[in-house]
Amino acid sequence: MPKFLFAYHGGKMPETEADIAAEMKRWRDWMDGLGDALVDPGNPVGMSKTVSVDGIASDGGANPVSGYSLVMADDLNMALAMAVGCPMVTQGHGSIEVAETHNMDF
């Protein structure tokens, strides 16, 4: 079964302990709902830098990644259906880039 990368963009840091607890519960509930399809829950990421032929940019690019997860799904449409329930999307704090990963034989 194919694996899909969820690359999170955006997000919002909750301001109070109660907001943090509520946000964590939303994420846990969503991830629990993914069941065995969730291969790697991933993590948030820190400030990024972009490396290119032009050098190293310190701003993370036009839409920096704020976290990631890996899921298994039959196809892209199934992976997209999983992504739309993510709290980052439902709360309107960001977006998710969904891409199928490909195994490479080295």
Protein backbone atom coordinates (compact mmCIF):
# COMPACT_ATOMS: atom_id res chain seq x y z
CA MET A 1 0.00 0.00 0.00
CA PRO A 2 1.43 3.42 -0.91
CA LYS A 3 2.68 5.86 1.72
CA PHE A 4 1.85 9.55 1.60
CA LEU A 5 3.69 12.47 3.13
CA PHE A 6 1.61 15.12 4.86
CA ALA A 7 3.72 18.30 4.90
CA TYR A 8 2.08 20.83 7.21
CA HIS A 9 2.30 24.52 6.38
CA GLY A 10 1.32 27.24 8.79
CA GLY A 11 -0.18 26.61 12.17
CA LYS A 12 -0.78 28.69 15.23
CA MET A 13 0.71 28.38 18.69
CA PRO A 14 -2.05 28.23 21.31
CA GLU A 15 -1.81 31.04 23.86
CA THR A 16 -3.10 29.50 27.11
CA GLU A 17 -2.72 26.14 28.84
CA ALA A 18 -6.40 25.46 28.16
CA ASP A 19 -5.92 26.26 24.46
CA ILE A 20 -2.86 23.99 24.31
CA ALA A 21 -4.80 21.11 25.92
CA ALA A 22 -7.74 21.60 23.53
CA GLU A 23 -5.46 21.71 20.48
CA MET A 24 -3.55 18.60 21.58
CA LYS A 25 -6.86 16.77 22.07
CA ARG A 26 -7.98 17.73 18.54
CA TRP A 27 -4.71 16.37 17.10
CA ARG A 28 -4.86 13.17 19.19
CA ASP A 29 -8.48 12.54 18.22
CA TRP A 30 -7.70 13.07 14.52
CA MET A 31 -4.61 10.85 14.64
CA ASP A 32 -6.46 8.15 16.60
CA GLY A 33 -9.13 8.24 13.89
CA LEU A 34 -6.51 7.45 11.26
CA GLY A 35 -5.86 4.14 13.01
CA ASP A 36 -3.30 1.84 11.38
CA ALA A 37 -3.06 4.16 8.36
CA LEU A 38 -0.86 6.45 10.46
CA VAL A 39 2.65 5.11 9.80
CA ASP A 40 4.56 7.95 11.49
CA PRO A 41 2.73 10.71 13.38
CA GLY A 42 5.73 12.94 12.73
CA ASN A 43 6.48 16.12 14.64
CA PRO A 44 6.43 19.86 14.33
CA VAL A 45 9.66 21.27 12.95
CA GLY A 46 11.68 24.36 13.83
CA MET A 47 12.81 27.24 11.67
CA SER A 48 13.95 26.00 8.29
CA LYS A 49 16.50 27.18 5.77
CA THR A 50 16.32 26.53 2.05
CA VAL A 51 19.39 25.24 0.19
CA SER A 52 19.57 25.81 -3.57
CA VAL A 53 22.11 26.48 -6.28
CA ASP A 54 21.81 30.16 -5.33
CA GLY A 55 22.97 29.46 -1.77
CA ILE A 56 21.20 29.19 1.56
CA ALA A 57 18.10 31.26 2.33
CA SER A 58 17.25 31.72 6.00
CA ASP A 59 13.54 32.43 5.63
CA GLY A 60 12.33 28.87 4.98
CA GLY A 61 10.99 29.79 1.57
CA ALA A 62 7.62 31.10 0.48
CA ASN A 63 5.60 28.56 2.49
CA PRO A 64 7.84 26.88 5.08
CA VAL A 65 7.04 23.42 6.39
CA SER A 66 5.88 23.41 10.01
CA GLY A 67 5.63 19.63 10.50
CA TYR A 68 5.01 16.28 8.85
CA SER A 69 3.30 12.89 9.12
CA LEU A 70 3.33 9.70 7.03
CA VAL A 71 0.17 7.74 6.28
CA MET A 72 -0.70 4.67 4.23
CA ALA A 73 -3.61 4.89 1.82
CA ASP A 74 -4.90 3.02 -1.22
CA ASP A 75 -4.52 6.11 -3.38
CA LEU A 76 -4.16 9.89 -3.37
CA ASN A 77 -7.89 10.46 -2.98
CA MET A 78 -7.96 8.38 0.20
CA ALA A 79 -4.95 10.28 1.57
CA LEU A 80 -6.64 13.60 0.77
CA ALA A 81 -9.78 12.44 2.58
CA MET A 82 -7.63 11.77 5.66
CA ALA A 83 -5.95 15.18 5.44
CA VAL A 84 -9.14 17.24 5.33
CA GLY A 85 -9.97 16.23 8.91
CA CYS A 86 -6.68 17.53 10.31
CA PRO A 87 -7.12 20.21 12.98
CA MET A 88 -4.73 22.51 11.12
CA VAL A 89 -7.23 22.51 8.25
CA THR A 90 -10.49 22.37 10.21
CA GLN A 91 -9.39 25.20 12.51
CA GLY A 92 -8.23 27.28 9.53
CA HIS A 93 -4.65 27.68 10.79
CA GLY A 94 -2.79 26.22 7.83
CA SER A 95 -2.70 23.73 5.00
CA ILE A 96 -1.36 20.27 4.20
CA GLU A 97 0.60 19.33 1.12
CA VAL A 98 -0.09 15.65 0.32
CA ALA A 99 2.35 13.68 -1.84
CA GLU A 100 2.88 9.98 -2.49
CA THR A 101 6.31 8.73 -1.48
CA HIS A 102 8.21 6.31 -3.72
CA ASN A 103 10.59 3.60 -2.57
CA MET A 104 14.01 3.74 -4.18
CA ASP A 105 16.24 0.71 -4.56
CA PHE A 106 19.81 1.78 -3.96
